[in-house]
Amino acid sequence: MILRHGEGGWTGVPETRYKDEPGTWEGVSRRVFTDGLPSQFEARCFELAPGGFTSFERHRHVHFVMVLTGRGKVRLDEAWHPIGPLDVVLVGPEQPHRFLNDGLEPMRILCVVDRERDRPVPLDPDSAAGASN
């Protein structure tokens, strides 16, 4: 199977909302490439608009994340780190994290996780990284 990318995204891969918890994120959409395939992992592409950010959270499962386009920052625990095209971010189990597009162009990140995984625990971005709401 080949998923072709065109002007409107990837053919046959719908763009959906990032999450259902409004106020914990902004300007993020996602596409899941592996829906309907018999695989043990899920590959998703998240697009963060300029100024967009993901929720600040932690969970037991790990993430493999590669920046495809754009620039921004990732918060791992309490520290922010600049990220750009082809940078890889490995998010460990229970590691608090958040992605932020502080650039002028959309930032796309490829995220690979286990298909069967635990639910994220939302964290207060203004508190210590390990404390939950």
Protein backbone atom coordinates (compact mmCIF):
# COMPACT_ATOMS: atom_id res chain seq x y z
CA MET A 1 0.00 0.00 0.00
CA ILE A 2 1.23 3.49 -0.83
CA LEU A 3 -0.39 6.58 0.62
CA ARG A 4 0.29 9.45 -1.77
CA HIS A 5 0.66 12.95 -0.42
CA GLY A 6 -0.90 15.80 -2.35
CA GLU A 7 -2.02 19.35 -1.81
CA GLY A 8 -4.82 18.34 0.58
CA GLY A 9 -2.82 15.77 2.56
CA TRP A 10 -2.60 12.02 2.10
CA THR A 11 -5.14 10.37 -0.22
CA GLY A 12 -7.64 8.30 1.74
CA VAL A 13 -6.35 9.41 5.17
CA PRO A 14 -8.88 11.72 6.83
CA GLU A 15 -7.79 14.64 8.98
CA THR A 16 -9.39 14.53 12.44
CA ARG A 17 -9.39 16.47 15.69
CA TYR A 18 -6.40 15.92 17.94
CA LYS A 19 -8.36 15.23 21.15
CA ASP A 20 -11.70 15.79 22.82
CA GLU A 21 -10.36 17.83 25.76
CA PRO A 22 -10.72 21.46 24.61
CA GLY A 23 -8.48 23.95 26.38
CA THR A 24 -5.59 21.50 26.89
CA TRP A 25 -4.33 21.92 23.32
CA GLU A 26 -4.63 24.34 20.42
CA GLY A 27 -4.21 24.28 16.64
CA VAL A 28 -3.53 20.54 16.26
CA SER A 29 -4.98 18.01 13.81
CA ARG A 30 -4.01 14.40 13.14
CA ARG A 31 -4.06 11.72 10.49
CA VAL A 32 -3.75 8.02 11.34
CA PHE A 33 -1.95 6.06 8.61
CA THR A 34 -2.46 2.57 10.06
CA ASP A 35 -6.25 2.52 10.62
CA GLY A 36 -7.66 -0.78 9.45
CA LEU A 37 -4.29 -2.48 9.10
CA PRO A 38 -3.37 -5.54 11.18
CA SER A 39 -0.38 -4.04 12.97
CA GLN A 40 0.87 -3.79 16.53
CA PHE A 41 1.72 -0.12 16.17
CA GLU A 42 -0.08 3.05 15.18
CA ALA A 43 1.55 5.67 12.97
CA ARG A 44 0.06 9.16 13.12
CA CYS A 45 0.95 12.53 11.66
CA PHE A 46 0.11 15.55 13.79
CA GLU A 47 0.03 19.01 12.28
CA LEU A 48 0.53 21.94 14.62
CA ALA A 49 -0.45 25.34 13.26
CA PRO A 50 1.81 28.28 14.16
CA GLY A 51 1.27 28.83 17.89
CA GLY A 52 -0.32 25.39 18.23
CA PHE A 53 0.53 22.97 21.04
CA THR A 54 -0.33 19.48 22.21
CA SER A 55 -1.58 18.60 25.67
CA PHE A 56 0.95 18.34 28.50
CA GLU A 57 0.69 14.72 29.61
CA ARG A 58 2.37 11.51 30.69
CA HIS A 59 1.60 7.80 30.21
CA ARG A 60 3.25 4.38 30.45
CA HIS A 61 3.70 3.85 26.71
CA VAL A 62 6.64 5.28 24.78
CA HIS A 63 6.56 7.52 21.71
CA PHE A 64 8.86 7.64 18.70
CA VAL A 65 8.43 11.10 17.17
CA MET A 66 10.15 12.55 14.09
CA VAL A 67 9.73 16.15 12.96
CA LEU A 68 8.82 16.09 9.28
CA THR A 69 8.41 19.81 8.57
CA GLY A 70 8.56 23.06 10.50
CA ARG A 71 10.23 24.03 13.72
CA GLY A 72 9.19 24.23 17.31
CA LYS A 73 9.96 23.01 20.80
CA VAL A 74 9.30 19.94 22.88
CA ARG A 75 8.92 19.98 26.64
CA LEU A 76 10.35 16.86 28.27
CA ASP A 77 9.85 16.94 32.04
CA GLU A 78 10.57 20.59 32.97
CA ALA A 79 12.96 21.50 30.11
CA TRP A 80 12.11 22.88 26.65
CA HIS A 81 14.24 21.78 23.67
CA PRO A 82 14.27 23.24 20.13
CA ILE A 83 13.32 20.76 17.38
CA GLY A 84 13.33 20.90 13.59
CA PRO A 85 13.13 18.78 10.44
CA LEU A 86 14.32 15.17 10.85
CA ASP A 87 14.98 15.55 14.58
CA VAL A 88 13.82 12.50 16.53
CA VAL A 89 12.26 12.74 19.99
CA LEU A 90 12.05 9.59 22.11
CA VAL A 91 9.50 10.05 24.88
CA GLY A 92 10.04 7.55 27.68
CA PRO A 93 7.43 5.90 29.88
CA GLU A 94 5.79 8.31 32.37
CA GLN A 95 7.83 11.21 30.93
CA PRO A 96 5.81 14.44 30.89
CA HIS A 97 5.82 15.98 27.41
CA ARG A 98 4.27 18.62 25.17
CA PHE A 99 5.00 19.79 21.61
CA LEU A 100 4.77 23.46 20.62
CA ASN A 101 5.02 25.14 17.23
CA ASP A 102 6.68 28.49 17.88
CA GLY A 103 7.50 29.01 14.19
CA LEU A 104 5.70 30.76 11.36
CA GLU A 105 4.92 27.62 9.29
CA PRO A 106 2.93 24.50 10.16
CA MET A 107 4.95 21.84 11.98
CA ARG A 108 4.26 18.19 11.12
CA ILE A 109 5.41 15.38 13.40
CA LEU A 110 5.25 11.64 12.76
CA CYS A 111 4.41 9.76 15.95
CA VAL A 112 4.60 5.97 16.30
CA VAL A 113 3.13 4.22 19.36
CA ASP A 114 1.84 0.77 20.34
CA ARG A 115 -1.70 0.23 19.03
CA GLU A 116 -2.77 -1.09 22.47
CA ARG A 117 -1.70 1.49 25.05
CA ASP A 118 -2.74 3.22 28.24
CA ARG A 119 -4.64 6.50 28.35
CA PRO A 120 -2.67 9.72 28.88
CA VAL A 121 -2.75 11.46 32.25
CA PRO A 122 -3.20 15.22 31.73
CA LEU A 123 -0.80 17.44 33.66
CA ASP A 124 -0.97 21.07 34.71
CA PRO A 125 1.59 22.87 32.50
CA ASP A 126 2.20 25.45 35.25
CA SER A 127 3.07 22.90 37.95
CA ALA A 128 5.97 20.50 38.44
CA ALA A 129 6.10 18.02 35.56
CA GLY A 130 5.19 15.00 37.66
CA ALA A 131 2.10 16.48 39.29
CA SER A 132 -1.28 15.81 37.73
CA ASN A 133 -4.39 18.00 37.69
